Amino acid sequence: MASVPTPTTVKDEATAPTTIRATVVQAASVFYDTPATLDKAERLVAEAASNGAQLVVFPEAFIGGYPRGSIFGATIGHFTPTAGEQFRKYYDSAIDVPGPEMDRLASIAENYKVYLVTGVIEREGYTLYCSVVFFDPQGCYLGKRRKLMPTTAERLVWGFGDGSTTPVFDTPIGKLGAIICWENKMPLLRTAMYAKGIEIYCAPNSDDREVWQPTVRHIAIEGGVFVLSAGQFCLRKDYPPPPEYLLTEWEDELQPDSVVAAGGSVIVAPSGEVLAGPNFEGEGLLTADLDLKDVARAKFSFDAVGHYSRPDILSLIVNERAMKPVTFTSHK
């Protein structure tokens, strides 16, 4: 399923809108098989690029997998005998940043001449992080964003990011950044990103509920930004079968073709207008042409960190230092 707009016809470059074509991918990872997931990512980027996409955004944890429904054999005060092995398999599906999988993603961005934004499960030492990585059309790695606040049981397997990975990249297609899933409900984090000038606000996520739609539409209006919300669409058969993988509490009700994540991917303009989606029907691509001049039009009436702010009353301090558990110093 693909949603592709009619290409913009440019008659006069001096007066034509500055537009970029963006694609949101809604698809499932190949769980526990990162090489196969990378192959799938390349096929989807190729399809998006063939439709003229300059920016391609994938869902949260697309590389490495979102462990929906799993409790990793852990309850309060207890681990099952298989808990460590479950984590080990998930750990092996994660990627190093930098690492060979990052090289593959860079080559995909370069080969198809797109800005590539994708959710990954990043490992550092033996801790995993839910991250988003960014590449430009030359295959250059721009940087990463680590999720600050894993939600509920995600904290069993994901570490916490810090303020050192909250970038906004000033690119030829606009100022590009990301906030991951329910972090989008954190008003102060959103405010920090607005203060950095974000224009193309990527929201890789795993929330497939209808109530997610007003959340991202509100963000578009509040921030005067384009919101690209990318979620996975997954069937039960997209995960390993039981007992290798259990979707706790659901498993007895599920068939191989049961929908366990319904996507809901959507692209929203700074006005709050829905440009593409939402898609609750299956895997597919959503594509829209983004007129970057709409950002200025939206800011005329509301600029959360400019003319509509009151720093004499309300202000925000953001700690961007990397928070390391161990720091080594030398007396030499």
C-alpha atoms as a PDB file:
ATOM      1  CA  MET A   1       0.000   0.000   0.000  1.00  0.00           C
ATOM      2  CA  ALA A   2       1.518   3.311  -1.064  1.00  0.00           C
ATOM      3  CA  SER A   3       0.213   6.856  -0.878  1.00  0.00           C
ATOM      4  CA  VAL A   4       1.997   9.053  -3.424  1.00  0.00           C
ATOM      5  CA  PRO A   5       1.009  12.658  -4.192  1.00  0.00           C
ATOM      6  CA  THR A   6       0.986  14.231  -7.623  1.00  0.00           C
ATOM      7  CA  PRO A   7       4.470  15.716  -8.214  1.00  0.00           C
ATOM      8  CA  THR A   8       4.686  19.481  -7.780  1.00  0.00           C
ATOM      9  CA  THR A   9       5.118  21.324 -11.076  1.00  0.00           C
ATOM     10  CA  VAL A  10       7.719  24.090 -10.801  1.00  0.00           C
ATOM     11  CA  LYS A  11       7.236  26.820 -13.410  1.00  0.00           C
ATOM     12  CA  ASP A  12       9.228  29.677 -11.905  1.00  0.00           C
ATOM     13  CA  GLU A  13      12.061  28.770  -9.534  1.00  0.00           C
ATOM     14  CA  ALA A  14      12.189  32.293  -8.169  1.00  0.00           C
ATOM     15  CA  THR A  15       8.627  32.152  -6.853  1.00  0.00           C
ATOM     16  CA  ALA A  16       7.939  28.418  -6.510  1.00  0.00           C
ATOM     17  CA  PRO A  17       7.480  26.985  -3.007  1.00  0.00           C
ATOM     18  CA  THR A  18      10.449  25.237  -1.439  1.00  0.00           C
ATOM     19  CA  THR A  19       9.152  21.688  -1.259  1.00  0.00           C
ATOM     20  CA  ILE A  20      10.635  18.340  -0.369  1.00  0.00           C
ATOM     21  CA  ARG A  21       9.124  14.925  -0.812  1.00  0.00           C
ATOM     22  CA  ALA A  22       9.061  12.803   2.342  1.00  0.00           C
ATOM     23  CA  THR A  23       8.078   9.165   2.817  1.00  0.00           C
ATOM     24  CA  VAL A  24       7.092   7.428   6.039  1.00  0.00           C
ATOM     25  CA  VAL A  25       7.587   3.656   6.027  1.00  0.00           C
ATOM     26  CA  GLN A  26       5.070   1.477   7.855  1.00  0.00           C
ATOM     27  CA  ALA A  27       6.453  -2.052   8.042  1.00  0.00           C
ATOM     28  CA  ALA A  28       7.494  -4.819  10.407  1.00  0.00           C
ATOM     29  CA  SER A  29      11.043  -5.814  11.280  1.00  0.00           C
ATOM     30  CA  VAL A  30      12.224  -9.353  10.642  1.00  0.00           C
ATOM     31  CA  PHE A  31      12.508 -10.143  14.326  1.00  0.00           C
ATOM     32  CA  TYR A  32      15.799 -11.706  15.518  1.00  0.00           C
ATOM     33  CA  ASP A  33      17.167 -11.350  11.949  1.00  0.00           C
ATOM     34  CA  THR A  34      18.905  -8.012  11.519  1.00  0.00           C
ATOM     35  CA  PRO A  35      20.497  -8.822   8.114  1.00  0.00           C
ATOM     36  CA  ALA A  36      17.058  -9.674   6.719  1.00  0.00           C
ATOM     37  CA  THR A  37      15.644  -6.482   8.220  1.00  0.00           C
ATOM     38  CA  LEU A  38      18.361  -4.451   6.505  1.00  0.00           C
ATOM     39  CA  ASP A  39      17.518  -6.146   3.202  1.00  0.00           C
ATOM     40  CA  LYS A  40      13.864  -5.225   3.728  1.00  0.00           C
ATOM     41  CA  ALA A  41      14.826  -1.655   4.570  1.00  0.00           C
ATOM     42  CA  GLU A  42      16.749  -1.357   1.318  1.00  0.00           C
ATOM     43  CA  ARG A  43      13.798  -2.624  -0.711  1.00  0.00           C
ATOM     44  CA  LEU A  44      11.514  -0.089   0.946  1.00  0.00           C
ATOM     45  CA  VAL A  45      13.966   2.783   0.450  1.00  0.00           C
ATOM     46  CA  ALA A  46      14.311   1.800  -3.212  1.00  0.00           C
ATOM     47  CA  GLU A  47      10.531   1.948  -3.625  1.00  0.00           C
ATOM     48  CA  ALA A  48      10.335   5.307  -1.859  1.00  0.00           C
ATOM     49  CA  ALA A  49      13.177   6.738  -3.945  1.00  0.00           C
ATOM     50  CA  SER A  50      11.521   5.551  -7.161  1.00  0.00           C
ATOM     51  CA  ASN A  51       8.553   7.745  -6.160  1.00  0.00           C
ATOM     52  CA  GLY A  52      10.836  10.753  -5.730  1.00  0.00           C
ATOM     53  CA  ALA A  53      11.348  10.672  -1.962  1.00  0.00           C
ATOM     54  CA  GLN A  54      14.183  12.825  -0.645  1.00  0.00           C
ATOM     55  CA  LEU A  55      13.607  11.840   2.988  1.00  0.00           C
ATOM     56  CA  VAL A  56      12.640   8.361   4.228  1.00  0.00           C
ATOM     57  CA  VAL A  57      11.613   7.760   7.847  1.00  0.00           C
ATOM     58  CA  PHE A  58      11.315   4.294   9.422  1.00  0.00           C
ATOM     59  CA  PRO A  59       9.571   3.297  12.683  1.00  0.00           C
ATOM     60  CA  GLU A  60      10.913   3.009  16.198  1.00  0.00           C
ATOM     61  CA  ALA A  61      13.258   0.035  16.704  1.00  0.00           C
ATOM     62  CA  PHE A  62      12.931  -1.052  13.074  1.00  0.00           C
ATOM     63  CA  ILE A  63      16.519  -2.345  13.048  1.00  0.00           C
ATOM     64  CA  GLY A  64      16.778  -4.713  16.001  1.00  0.00           C
ATOM     65  CA  GLY A  65      13.037  -5.039  16.570  1.00  0.00           C
ATOM     66  CA  TYR A  66      10.399  -3.743  18.945  1.00  0.00           C
ATOM     67  CA  PRO A  67       9.805  -6.532  21.541  1.00  0.00           C
ATOM     68  CA  ARG A  68       6.036  -6.061  21.708  1.00  0.00           C
ATOM     69  CA  GLY A  69       4.290  -8.119  24.344  1.00  0.00           C
ATOM     70  CA  SER A  70       7.451  -9.642  25.797  1.00  0.00           C
ATOM     71  CA  ILE A  71       8.332  -9.435  29.490  1.00  0.00           C
ATOM     72  CA  PHE A  72      11.700 -11.187  28.983  1.00  0.00           C
ATOM     73  CA  GLY A  73      10.910 -13.696  31.707  1.00  0.00           C
ATOM     74  CA  ALA A  74      10.926 -10.995  34.385  1.00  0.00           C
ATOM     75  CA  THR A  75       8.393 -10.036  37.021  1.00  0.00           C
ATOM     76  CA  ILE A  76       8.953  -8.011  40.177  1.00  0.00           C
ATOM     77  CA  GLY A  77      11.420  -9.909  42.328  1.00  0.00           C
ATOM     78  CA  HIS A  78      11.704 -12.881  39.967  1.00  0.00           C
ATOM     79  CA  PHE A  79      13.401 -14.017  36.755  1.00  0.00           C
ATOM     80  CA  THR A  80      12.551 -17.226  34.917  1.00  0.00           C
ATOM     81  CA  PRO A  81      15.414 -19.581  34.023  1.00  0.00           C
ATOM     82  CA  THR A  82      15.154 -18.475  30.376  1.00  0.00           C
ATOM     83  CA  ALA A  83      15.208 -14.717  31.041  1.00  0.00           C
ATOM     84  CA  GLY A  84      18.904 -14.224  30.352  1.00  0.00           C
ATOM     85  CA  GLU A  85      18.746 -16.208  27.114  1.00  0.00           C
ATOM     86  CA  GLN A  86      15.790 -14.156  25.896  1.00  0.00           C
ATOM     87  CA  PHE A  87      17.766 -10.988  26.476  1.00  0.00           C
ATOM     88  CA  ARG A  88      20.866 -12.512  24.847  1.00  0.00           C
ATOM     89  CA  LYS A  89      18.958 -13.152  21.610  1.00  0.00           C
ATOM     90  CA  TYR A  90      17.595  -9.624  21.583  1.00  0.00           C
ATOM     91  CA  TYR A  91      21.051  -8.241  22.362  1.00  0.00           C
ATOM     92  CA  ASP A  92      22.479 -10.131  19.380  1.00  0.00           C
ATOM     93  CA  SER A  93      19.910  -8.459  17.110  1.00  0.00           C
ATOM     94  CA  ALA A  94      20.997  -4.980  18.214  1.00  0.00           C
ATOM     95  CA  ILE A  95      23.654  -2.963  16.390  1.00  0.00           C
ATOM     96  CA  ASP A  96      26.822  -1.097  17.267  1.00  0.00           C
ATOM     97  CA  VAL A  97      27.076   2.612  16.459  1.00  0.00           C
ATOM     98  CA  PRO A  98      29.381   2.731  14.552  1.00  0.00           C
ATOM     99  CA  GLY A  99      29.407  -0.780  13.149  1.00  0.00           C
ATOM    100  CA  PRO A 100      28.814  -2.862  10.006  1.00  0.00           C
ATOM    101  CA  GLU A 101      25.039  -2.401  10.076  1.00  0.00           C
ATOM    102  CA  MET A 102      25.543   1.351  10.197  1.00  0.00           C
ATOM    103  CA  ASP A 103      27.808   1.048   7.151  1.00  0.00           C
ATOM    104  CA  ARG A 104      25.005  -0.786   5.361  1.00  0.00           C
ATOM    105  CA  LEU A 105      22.492   1.926   6.245  1.00  0.00           C
ATOM    106  CA  ALA A 106      24.938   4.574   5.025  1.00  0.00           C
ATOM    107  CA  SER A 107      25.326   2.787   1.697  1.00  0.00           C
ATOM    108  CA  ILE A 108      21.530   2.565   1.320  1.00  0.00           C
ATOM    109  CA  ALA A 109      21.198   6.325   1.873  1.00  0.00           C
ATOM    110  CA  GLU A 110      23.982   6.995  -0.608  1.00  0.00           C
ATOM    111  CA  ASN A 111      22.818   4.535  -3.273  1.00  0.00           C
ATOM    112  CA  TYR A 112      19.284   5.948  -3.327  1.00  0.00           C
ATOM    113  CA  LYS A 113      20.272   9.580  -2.648  1.00  0.00           C
ATOM    114  CA  VAL A 114      17.956  10.084   0.317  1.00  0.00           C
ATOM    115  CA  TYR A 115      18.078  11.413   3.831  1.00  0.00           C
ATOM    116  CA  LEU A 116      17.491   8.280   5.889  1.00  0.00           C
ATOM    117  CA  VAL A 117      16.074   8.312   9.420  1.00  0.00           C
ATOM    118  CA  THR A 118      15.479   5.002  11.157  1.00  0.00           C
ATOM    119  CA  GLY A 119      14.866   3.579  14.581  1.00  0.00           C
ATOM    120  CA  VAL A 120      17.494   1.108  15.778  1.00  0.00           C
ATOM    121  CA  ILE A 121      18.272  -0.874  18.885  1.00  0.00           C
ATOM    122  CA  GLU A 122      21.758   0.298  19.749  1.00  0.00           C
ATOM    123  CA  ARG A 123      24.089  -1.565  22.064  1.00  0.00           C
ATOM    124  CA  GLU A 124      26.892  -0.022  24.076  1.00  0.00           C
ATOM    125  CA  GLY A 125      28.670  -2.517  26.243  1.00  0.00           C
ATOM    126  CA  TYR A 126      25.864  -4.716  27.504  1.00  0.00           C
ATOM    127  CA  THR A 127      23.197  -2.044  27.683  1.00  0.00           C
ATOM    128  CA  LEU A 128      20.689  -1.498  24.872  1.00  0.00           C
ATOM    129  CA  TYR A 129      19.260   1.840  23.820  1.00  0.00           C
ATOM    130  CA  CYS A 130      16.276   2.682  21.647  1.00  0.00           C
ATOM    131  CA  SER A 131      17.857   5.130  19.219  1.00  0.00           C
ATOM    132  CA  VAL A 132      17.259   6.911  15.933  1.00  0.00           C
ATOM    133  CA  VAL A 133      20.101   7.362  13.444  1.00  0.00           C
ATOM    134  CA  PHE A 134      20.362   9.922  10.640  1.00  0.00           C
ATOM    135  CA  PHE A 135      22.177   9.750   7.286  1.00  0.00           C
ATOM    136  CA  ASP A 136      22.440  12.210   4.401  1.00  0.00           C
ATOM    137  CA  PRO A 137      22.252  11.388   0.658  1.00  0.00           C
ATOM    138  CA  GLN A 138      26.049  11.151   0.469  1.00  0.00           C
ATOM    139  CA  GLY A 139      25.944   8.305   2.981  1.00  0.00           C
ATOM    140  CA  CYS A 140      27.367  10.443   5.781  1.00  0.00           C
ATOM    141  CA  TYR A 141      26.258   9.594   9.294  1.00  0.00           C
ATOM    142  CA  LEU A 142      24.858  12.788  10.803  1.00  0.00           C
ATOM    143  CA  GLY A 143      24.275  11.596  14.355  1.00  0.00           C
ATOM    144  CA  LYS A 144      21.873   9.789  16.642  1.00  0.00           C
ATOM    145  CA  ARG A 145      19.086  10.388  19.129  1.00  0.00           C
ATOM    146  CA  ARG A 146      18.742   8.101  22.146  1.00  0.00           C
ATOM    147  CA  LYS A 147      15.341   7.721  23.771  1.00  0.00           C
ATOM    148  CA  LEU A 148      15.419   9.573  27.081  1.00  0.00           C
ATOM    149  CA  MET A 149      12.545   7.740  28.702  1.00  0.00           C
ATOM    150  CA  PRO A 150      11.680   4.134  27.868  1.00  0.00           C
ATOM    151  CA  THR A 151       8.015   3.480  28.606  1.00  0.00           C
ATOM    152  CA  THR A 152       6.824   0.999  31.270  1.00  0.00           C
ATOM    153  CA  ALA A 153       8.259  -2.497  30.573  1.00  0.00           C
ATOM    154  CA  GLU A 154      10.651  -1.130  27.925  1.00  0.00           C
ATOM    155  CA  ARG A 155      12.807  -0.249  30.949  1.00  0.00           C
ATOM    156  CA  LEU A 156      13.503  -3.963  31.429  1.00  0.00           C
ATOM    157  CA  VAL A 157      15.702  -4.008  28.338  1.00  0.00           C
ATOM    158  CA  TRP A 158      16.499  -0.414  27.322  1.00  0.00           C
ATOM    159  CA  GLY A 159      18.771   2.083  29.009  1.00  0.00           C
ATOM    160  CA  PHE A 160      18.070   5.802  29.356  1.00  0.00           C
ATOM    161  CA  GLY A 161      19.461   8.383  26.966  1.00  0.00           C
ATOM    162  CA  ASP A 162      20.723  11.804  28.060  1.00  0.00           C
ATOM    163  CA  GLY A 163      20.748  15.360  26.789  1.00  0.00           C
ATOM    164  CA  SER A 164      23.881  14.836  24.722  1.00  0.00           C
ATOM    165  CA  THR A 165      21.857  13.118  21.980  1.00  0.00           C
ATOM    166  CA  THR A 166      19.061  15.576  21.251  1.00  0.00           C
ATOM    167  CA  PRO A 167      20.283  16.934  17.911  1.00  0.00           C
ATOM    168  CA  VAL A 168      18.540  18.967  15.263  1.00  0.00           C
ATOM    169  CA  PHE A 169      20.405  18.852  11.947  1.00  0.00           C
ATOM    170  CA  ASP A 170      20.399  21.911   9.684  1.00  0.00           C
ATOM    171  CA  THR A 171      20.214  20.292   6.241  1.00  0.00           C
ATOM    172  CA  PRO A 172      19.432  21.543   2.724  1.00  0.00           C
ATOM    173  CA  ILE A 173      15.950  20.016   3.064  1.00  0.00           C
ATOM    174  CA  GLY A 174      15.206  21.670   6.414  1.00  0.00           C
ATOM    175  CA  LYS A 175      16.018  21.338  10.079  1.00  0.00           C
ATOM    176  CA  LEU A 176      15.626  17.678  10.903  1.00  0.00           C
ATOM    177  CA  GLY A 177      15.253  15.934  14.258  1.00  0.00           C
ATOM    178  CA  ALA A 178      13.355  13.187  16.069  1.00  0.00           C
ATOM    179  CA  ILE A 179      11.513  12.408  19.276  1.00  0.00           C
ATOM    180  CA  ILE A 180      10.686   8.756  19.907  1.00  0.00           C
ATOM    181  CA  CYS A 181       7.221   7.399  20.759  1.00  0.00           C
ATOM    182  CA  TRP A 182       5.869   8.528  24.150  1.00  0.00           C
ATOM    183  CA  GLU A 183       8.692  11.024  24.618  1.00  0.00           C
ATOM    184  CA  ASN A 184       6.411  13.073  22.385  1.00  0.00           C
ATOM    185  CA  LYS A 185       4.176  13.499  25.433  1.00  0.00           C
ATOM    186  CA  MET A 186       7.015  15.246  27.329  1.00  0.00           C
ATOM    187  CA  PRO A 187       6.287  18.992  26.956  1.00  0.00           C
ATOM    188  CA  LEU A 188       9.744  20.137  28.041  1.00  0.00           C
ATOM    189  CA  LEU A 189      11.499  17.859  25.542  1.00  0.00           C
ATOM    190  CA  ARG A 190       9.284  19.145  22.756  1.00  0.00           C
ATOM    191  CA  THR A 191      10.072  22.701  23.846  1.00  0.00           C
ATOM    192  CA  ALA A 192      13.804  21.996  23.706  1.00  0.00           C
ATOM    193  CA  MET A 193      13.480  20.723  20.148  1.00  0.00           C
ATOM    194  CA  TYR A 194      11.430  23.758  19.129  1.00  0.00           C
ATOM    195  CA  ALA A 195      14.169  25.974  20.583  1.00  0.00           C
ATOM    196  CA  LYS A 196      16.681  24.187  18.352  1.00  0.00           C
ATOM    197  CA  GLY A 197      14.621  25.214  15.334  1.00  0.00           C
ATOM    198  CA  ILE A 198      13.236  21.845  14.281  1.00  0.00           C
ATOM    199  CA  GLU A 199      11.103  22.015  11.123  1.00  0.00           C
ATOM    200  CA  ILE A 200      10.796  18.365  10.087  1.00  0.00           C
ATOM    201  CA  TYR A 201       9.856  16.548  13.257  1.00  0.00           C
ATOM    202  CA  CYS A 202      10.267  12.779  12.906  1.00  0.00           C
ATOM    203  CA  ALA A 203       8.266  10.692  15.378  1.00  0.00           C
ATOM    204  CA  PRO A 204       9.175   7.001  15.087  1.00  0.00           C
ATOM    205  CA  ASN A 205       6.816   5.241  17.462  1.00  0.00           C
ATOM    206  CA  SER A 206       5.001   2.081  18.508  1.00  0.00           C
ATOM    207  CA  ASP A 207       1.644   3.553  19.527  1.00  0.00           C
ATOM    208  CA  ASP A 208      -0.997   2.246  17.128  1.00  0.00           C
ATOM    209  CA  ARG A 209      -4.005   3.607  19.012  1.00  0.00           C
ATOM    210  CA  GLU A 210      -6.444   6.124  17.566  1.00  0.00           C
ATOM    211  CA  VAL A 211      -5.572   8.546  20.403  1.00  0.00           C
ATOM    212  CA  TRP A 212      -2.062   8.896  18.972  1.00  0.00           C
ATOM    213  CA  GLN A 213      -3.471  10.855  16.039  1.00  0.00           C
ATOM    214  CA  PRO A 214      -4.540  13.945  18.034  1.00  0.00           C
ATOM    215  CA  THR A 215      -1.175  13.824  19.822  1.00  0.00           C
ATOM    216  CA  VAL A 216       0.837  14.259  16.627  1.00  0.00           C
ATOM    217  CA  ARG A 217      -1.598  16.784  15.171  1.00  0.00           C
ATOM    218  CA  HIS A 218      -1.287  18.870  18.331  1.00  0.00           C
ATOM    219  CA  ILE A 219       2.522  18.729  18.096  1.00  0.00           C
ATOM    220  CA  ALA A 220       2.406  19.931  14.490  1.00  0.00           C
ATOM    221  CA  ILE A 221       0.280  22.933  15.501  1.00  0.00           C
ATOM    222  CA  GLU A 222       2.135  23.646  18.742  1.00  0.00           C
ATOM    223  CA  GLY A 223       5.575  23.511  17.135  1.00  0.00           C
ATOM    224  CA  GLY A 224       4.693  24.843  13.693  1.00  0.00           C
ATOM    225  CA  VAL A 225       6.416  21.761  12.278  1.00  0.00           C
ATOM    226  CA  PHE A 226       5.849  18.915   9.871  1.00  0.00           C
ATOM    227  CA  VAL A 227       5.351  15.717  11.871  1.00  0.00           C
ATOM    228  CA  LEU A 228       6.322  12.403  10.268  1.00  0.00           C
ATOM    229  CA  SER A 229       4.946   9.671  12.504  1.00  0.00           C
ATOM    230  CA  ALA A 230       6.188   6.189  11.545  1.00  0.00           C
ATOM    231  CA  GLY A 231       4.886   3.014  13.182  1.00  0.00           C
ATOM    232  CA  GLN A 232       5.266  -0.690  12.542  1.00  0.00           C
ATOM    233  CA  PHE A 233       2.431  -2.826  11.187  1.00  0.00           C
ATOM    234  CA  CYS A 234       2.938  -6.331  12.553  1.00  0.00           C
ATOM    235  CA  LEU A 235       1.110  -9.636  12.423  1.00  0.00           C
ATOM    236  CA  ARG A 236       1.688 -12.387  14.967  1.00  0.00           C
ATOM    237  CA  LYS A 237       3.641 -14.318  12.346  1.00  0.00           C
ATOM    238  CA  ASP A 238       6.137 -11.430  12.071  1.00  0.00           C
ATOM    239  CA  TYR A 239       7.478 -12.594  15.443  1.00  0.00           C
ATOM    240  CA  PRO A 240       8.964 -16.037  16.166  1.00  0.00           C
ATOM    241  CA  PRO A 241       6.347 -18.636  17.136  1.00  0.00           C
ATOM    242  CA  PRO A 242       5.745 -19.759  20.711  1.00  0.00           C
ATOM    243  CA  PRO A 243       7.408 -20.893  22.864  1.00  0.00           C
ATOM    244  CA  GLU A 244      10.453 -19.111  21.378  1.00  0.00           C
ATOM    245  CA  TYR A 245       8.624 -15.785  21.623  1.00  0.00           C
ATOM    246  CA  LEU A 246       5.521 -15.095  23.694  1.00  0.00           C
ATOM    247  CA  LEU A 247       3.258 -12.069  23.452  1.00  0.00           C
ATOM    248  CA  THR A 248       2.340 -12.237  27.109  1.00  0.00           C
ATOM    249  CA  GLU A 249      -1.381 -12.152  27.938  1.00  0.00           C
ATOM    250  CA  TRP A 250      -2.337 -12.157  24.237  1.00  0.00           C
ATOM    251  CA  GLU A 251      -0.805 -15.397  23.065  1.00  0.00           C
ATOM    252  CA  ASP A 252      -3.799 -17.706  23.607  1.00  0.00           C
ATOM    253  CA  GLU A 253      -6.025 -15.377  21.566  1.00  0.00           C
ATOM    254  CA  LEU A 254      -3.753 -14.973  18.557  1.00  0.00           C
ATOM    255  CA  GLN A 255      -3.598 -16.621  15.150  1.00  0.00           C
ATOM    256  CA  PRO A 256      -0.608 -16.230  12.770  1.00  0.00           C
ATOM    257  CA  ASP A 257      -2.458 -13.501  10.828  1.00  0.00           C
ATOM    258  CA  SER A 258      -3.693 -11.636  13.910  1.00  0.00           C
ATOM    259  CA  VAL A 259      -2.721  -7.948  13.890  1.00  0.00           C
ATOM    260  CA  VAL A 260      -0.555  -7.141  16.918  1.00  0.00           C
ATOM    261  CA  ALA A 261       0.507  -3.641  15.823  1.00  0.00           C
ATOM    262  CA  ALA A 262      -1.781  -1.650  13.541  1.00  0.00           C
ATOM    263  CA  GLY A 263       0.636   1.127  12.553  1.00  0.00           C
ATOM    264  CA  GLY A 264      -1.296   4.367  12.311  1.00  0.00           C
ATOM    265  CA  SER A 265       1.531   6.153  10.493  1.00  0.00           C
ATOM    266  CA  VAL A 266       0.686   9.680   9.396  1.00  0.00           C
ATOM    267  CA  ILE A 267       2.208  12.873   7.977  1.00  0.00           C
ATOM    268  CA  VAL A 268       0.887  16.175   9.368  1.00  0.00           C
ATOM    269  CA  ALA A 269       1.486  19.754   8.220  1.00  0.00           C
ATOM    270  CA  PRO A 270       2.243  22.692  10.576  1.00  0.00           C
ATOM    271  CA  SER A 271      -1.407  23.735  10.224  1.00  0.00           C
ATOM    272  CA  GLY A 272      -2.514  20.403  11.667  1.00  0.00           C
ATOM    273  CA  GLU A 273      -3.758  19.230   8.265  1.00  0.00           C
ATOM    274  CA  VAL A 274      -3.199  15.531   7.620  1.00  0.00           C
ATOM    275  CA  LEU A 275      -1.177  15.218   4.408  1.00  0.00           C
ATOM    276  CA  ALA A 276      -1.021  11.404   4.248  1.00  0.00           C
ATOM    277  CA  GLY A 277      -2.552   8.615   6.294  1.00  0.00           C
ATOM    278  CA  PRO A 278      -3.231   7.494   8.866  1.00  0.00           C
ATOM    279  CA  ASN A 279      -2.726   3.918   7.703  1.00  0.00           C
ATOM    280  CA  PHE A 280      -4.238   1.209   9.903  1.00  0.00           C
ATOM    281  CA  GLU A 281      -4.618  -1.289   7.056  1.00  0.00           C
ATOM    282  CA  GLY A 282      -1.197  -2.867   6.500  1.00  0.00           C
ATOM    283  CA  GLU A 283       2.404  -2.339   5.517  1.00  0.00           C
ATOM    284  CA  GLY A 284       3.011   0.471   3.070  1.00  0.00           C
ATOM    285  CA  LEU A 285       4.517   3.844   2.260  1.00  0.00           C
ATOM    286  CA  LEU A 286       2.982   7.240   2.962  1.00  0.00           C
ATOM    287  CA  THR A 287       4.370  10.093   0.885  1.00  0.00           C
ATOM    288  CA  ALA A 288       3.724  13.820   0.912  1.00  0.00           C
ATOM    289  CA  ASP A 289       5.250  16.980  -0.508  1.00  0.00           C
ATOM    290  CA  LEU A 290       6.245  19.330   2.307  1.00  0.00           C
ATOM    291  CA  ASP A 291       6.157  23.064   1.571  1.00  0.00           C
ATOM    292  CA  LEU A 292       8.732  24.361   4.042  1.00  0.00           C
ATOM    293  CA  LYS A 293       7.285  27.868   3.757  1.00  0.00           C
ATOM    294  CA  ASP A 294       4.342  26.521   5.745  1.00  0.00           C
ATOM    295  CA  VAL A 295       6.571  26.640   8.822  1.00  0.00           C
ATOM    296  CA  ALA A 296       6.851  30.430   8.669  1.00  0.00           C
ATOM    297  CA  ARG A 297       3.136  30.724   7.924  1.00  0.00           C
ATOM    298  CA  ALA A 298       2.333  28.739  11.063  1.00  0.00           C
ATOM    299  CA  LYS A 299       4.782  30.665  13.262  1.00  0.00           C
ATOM    300  CA  PHE A 300       3.032  33.952  12.416  1.00  0.00           C
ATOM    301  CA  SER A 301       0.249  33.117  14.853  1.00  0.00           C
ATOM    302  CA  PHE A 302       2.120  30.940  17.353  1.00  0.00           C
ATOM    303  CA  ASP A 303       5.830  30.529  18.076  1.00  0.00           C
ATOM    304  CA  ALA A 304       6.225  28.560  21.307  1.00  0.00           C
ATOM    305  CA  VAL A 305       9.825  29.651  21.854  1.00  0.00           C
ATOM    306  CA  GLY A 306       9.573  33.100  20.268  1.00  0.00           C
ATOM    307  CA  HIS A 307       6.865  35.730  20.297  1.00  0.00           C
ATOM    308  CA  TYR A 308       4.425  33.496  22.193  1.00  0.00           C
ATOM    309  CA  SER A 309       6.857  32.747  25.032  1.00  0.00           C
ATOM    310  CA  ARG A 310       7.208  34.505  28.394  1.00  0.00           C
ATOM    311  CA  PRO A 311      10.795  33.831  29.551  1.00  0.00           C
ATOM    312  CA  ASP A 312      10.340  36.385  32.331  1.00  0.00           C
ATOM    313  CA  ILE A 313       7.888  33.917  33.905  1.00  0.00           C
ATOM    314  CA  LEU A 314       8.587  30.500  32.381  1.00  0.00           C
ATOM    315  CA  SER A 315      11.972  29.200  31.241  1.00  0.00           C
ATOM    316  CA  LEU A 316      13.725  25.909  30.563  1.00  0.00           C
ATOM    317  CA  ILE A 317      17.306  24.760  31.193  1.00  0.00           C
ATOM    318  CA  VAL A 318      18.521  21.741  29.190  1.00  0.00           C
ATOM    319  CA  ASN A 319      21.516  19.699  30.328  1.00  0.00           C
ATOM    320  CA  GLU A 320      23.313  18.532  27.172  1.00  0.00           C
ATOM    321  CA  ARG A 321      26.270  16.910  28.919  1.00  0.00           C
ATOM    322  CA  ALA A 322      26.886  13.209  28.374  1.00  0.00           C
ATOM    323  CA  MET A 323      26.142  11.523  31.696  1.00  0.00           C
ATOM    324  CA  LYS A 324      28.768   8.803  32.106  1.00  0.00           C
ATOM    325  CA  PRO A 325      28.622   6.390  35.064  1.00  0.00           C
ATOM    326  CA  VAL A 326      32.417   6.258  35.244  1.00  0.00           C
ATOM    327  CA  THR A 327      34.877   9.035  34.432  1.00  0.00           C
ATOM    328  CA  PHE A 328      38.619   8.432  34.343  1.00  0.00           C
ATOM    329  CA  THR A 329      41.050  11.259  34.952  1.00  0.00           C
ATOM    330  CA  SER A 330      44.823  11.356  34.618  1.00  0.00           C
ATOM    331  CA  HIS A 331      47.258  13.135  36.912  1.00  0.00           C
ATOM    332  CA  LYS A 332      49.972  13.268  34.242  1.00  0.00           C
END
